[in-house]
Amino acid sequence: METQAALEHSEILDGTLFHIQINRCQYIDNFPEKVANVFKDNMNGHLVNDFDEIRDDLSEIETNFFKINKTRINKEEFYRTLYERITKRARRA
């Protein structure tokens, strides 16, 4: 685990929405909110779990997001790069 500043839920949600936007993806359900909840639930104070520890929680999210965007993104890569974005943002906070 790595020491990081605690992020607010709204900051994680903003980062998720931005990540969706830069990947030119579409969503029709509450996928961004569910993702933000998983990240927030996996933060313990100033620590965020390693990607390998939260990957299963992210994969369990029920969504049509990856079906809709299957020509644009890969599920594993999307989550990994989002994780990198969120942890980088936490370091700057």
Protein backbone atom coordinates (compact mmCIF):
# COMPACT_ATOMS: atom_id res chain seq x y z
CA MET A 1 0.00 0.00 0.00
CA GLU A 2 1.04 3.52 -0.68
CA THR A 3 0.46 6.63 1.41
CA GLN A 4 -1.91 9.05 -0.28
CA ALA A 5 -4.15 11.93 0.67
CA ALA A 6 -7.77 11.04 1.27
CA LEU A 7 -10.03 11.97 -1.62
CA GLU A 8 -13.64 12.98 -1.29
CA HIS A 9 -16.27 10.88 -3.05
CA SER A 10 -17.05 13.81 -5.37
CA GLU A 11 -13.38 14.03 -6.43
CA ILE A 12 -13.33 10.33 -7.28
CA LEU A 13 -16.60 10.71 -9.20
CA ASP A 14 -15.21 13.71 -11.11
CA GLY A 15 -12.10 11.70 -11.99
CA THR A 16 -14.23 8.80 -13.18
CA LEU A 17 -16.41 11.04 -15.35
CA PHE A 18 -13.31 12.71 -16.81
CA HIS A 19 -11.78 9.30 -17.56
CA ILE A 20 -14.97 8.26 -19.36
CA GLN A 21 -14.94 11.50 -21.34
CA ILE A 22 -11.31 11.31 -22.49
CA ASN A 23 -11.87 7.73 -23.60
CA ARG A 24 -14.84 8.98 -25.65
CA CYS A 25 -17.18 6.52 -23.98
CA GLN A 26 -20.91 6.65 -23.34
CA TYR A 27 -22.87 5.45 -20.34
CA ILE A 28 -26.58 5.08 -19.64
CA ASP A 29 -26.64 3.77 -16.09
CA ASN A 30 -25.10 4.90 -12.82
CA PHE A 31 -21.76 3.29 -13.67
CA PRO A 32 -19.62 6.32 -12.64
CA GLU A 33 -21.28 6.44 -9.21
CA LYS A 34 -20.77 2.71 -8.69
CA VAL A 35 -17.09 2.99 -9.63
CA ALA A 36 -16.60 5.96 -7.29
CA ASN A 37 -18.23 3.97 -4.48
CA VAL A 38 -15.84 1.04 -5.00
CA PHE A 39 -12.83 3.35 -4.86
CA LYS A 40 -14.12 5.17 -1.78
CA ASP A 41 -14.93 1.86 -0.04
CA ASN A 42 -11.39 0.67 -0.73
CA MET A 43 -9.76 3.71 0.84
CA ASN A 44 -8.79 3.46 4.47
CA GLY A 45 -7.99 6.94 5.65
CA HIS A 46 -5.07 8.04 3.52
CA LEU A 47 -4.47 4.60 2.02
CA VAL A 48 -5.97 3.16 -1.12
CA ASN A 49 -5.73 -0.55 -1.76
CA ASP A 50 -3.52 -1.85 -4.54
CA PHE A 51 -5.21 -2.34 -7.90
CA ASP A 52 -5.04 -6.12 -7.57
CA GLU A 53 -7.05 -5.85 -4.34
CA ILE A 54 -9.90 -3.78 -5.81
CA ARG A 55 -10.02 -5.27 -9.31
CA ASP A 56 -12.55 -7.92 -8.26
CA ASP A 57 -14.83 -5.31 -6.68
CA LEU A 58 -14.70 -3.24 -9.86
CA SER A 59 -15.37 -6.29 -12.03
CA GLU A 60 -18.49 -7.12 -10.02
CA ILE A 61 -20.18 -3.84 -10.97
CA GLU A 62 -23.30 -4.59 -13.00
CA THR A 63 -23.33 -2.29 -16.01
CA ASN A 64 -23.82 -2.12 -19.76
CA PHE A 65 -20.91 0.31 -20.01
CA PHE A 66 -18.46 -2.17 -21.52
CA LYS A 67 -21.02 -3.60 -23.95
CA ILE A 68 -21.86 -0.13 -25.22
CA ASN A 69 -18.19 0.83 -25.57
CA LYS A 70 -16.71 -2.52 -26.60
CA THR A 71 -15.06 -1.07 -29.72
CA ARG A 72 -13.42 1.73 -27.72
CA ILE A 73 -12.08 0.19 -24.53
CA ASN A 74 -10.93 -2.93 -22.76
CA LYS A 75 -12.41 -3.49 -19.30
CA GLU A 76 -9.14 -4.36 -17.55
CA GLU A 77 -7.25 -1.49 -19.16
CA PHE A 78 -10.03 0.99 -18.42
CA TYR A 79 -10.03 0.09 -14.73
CA ARG A 80 -6.23 0.01 -14.48
CA THR A 81 -5.77 3.44 -16.09
CA LEU A 82 -8.60 4.88 -13.98
CA TYR A 83 -6.88 3.50 -10.88
CA GLU A 84 -3.67 5.23 -11.95
CA ARG A 85 -5.57 8.49 -12.49
CA ILE A 86 -7.28 8.32 -9.07
CA THR A 87 -4.09 7.44 -7.17
CA LYS A 88 -2.14 10.17 -8.96
CA ARG A 89 -4.85 12.67 -8.02
CA ALA A 90 -4.68 11.51 -4.40
CA ARG A 91 -0.93 12.11 -4.31
CA ARG A 92 -1.45 15.70 -5.48
CA ALA A 93 -4.21 16.37 -2.94
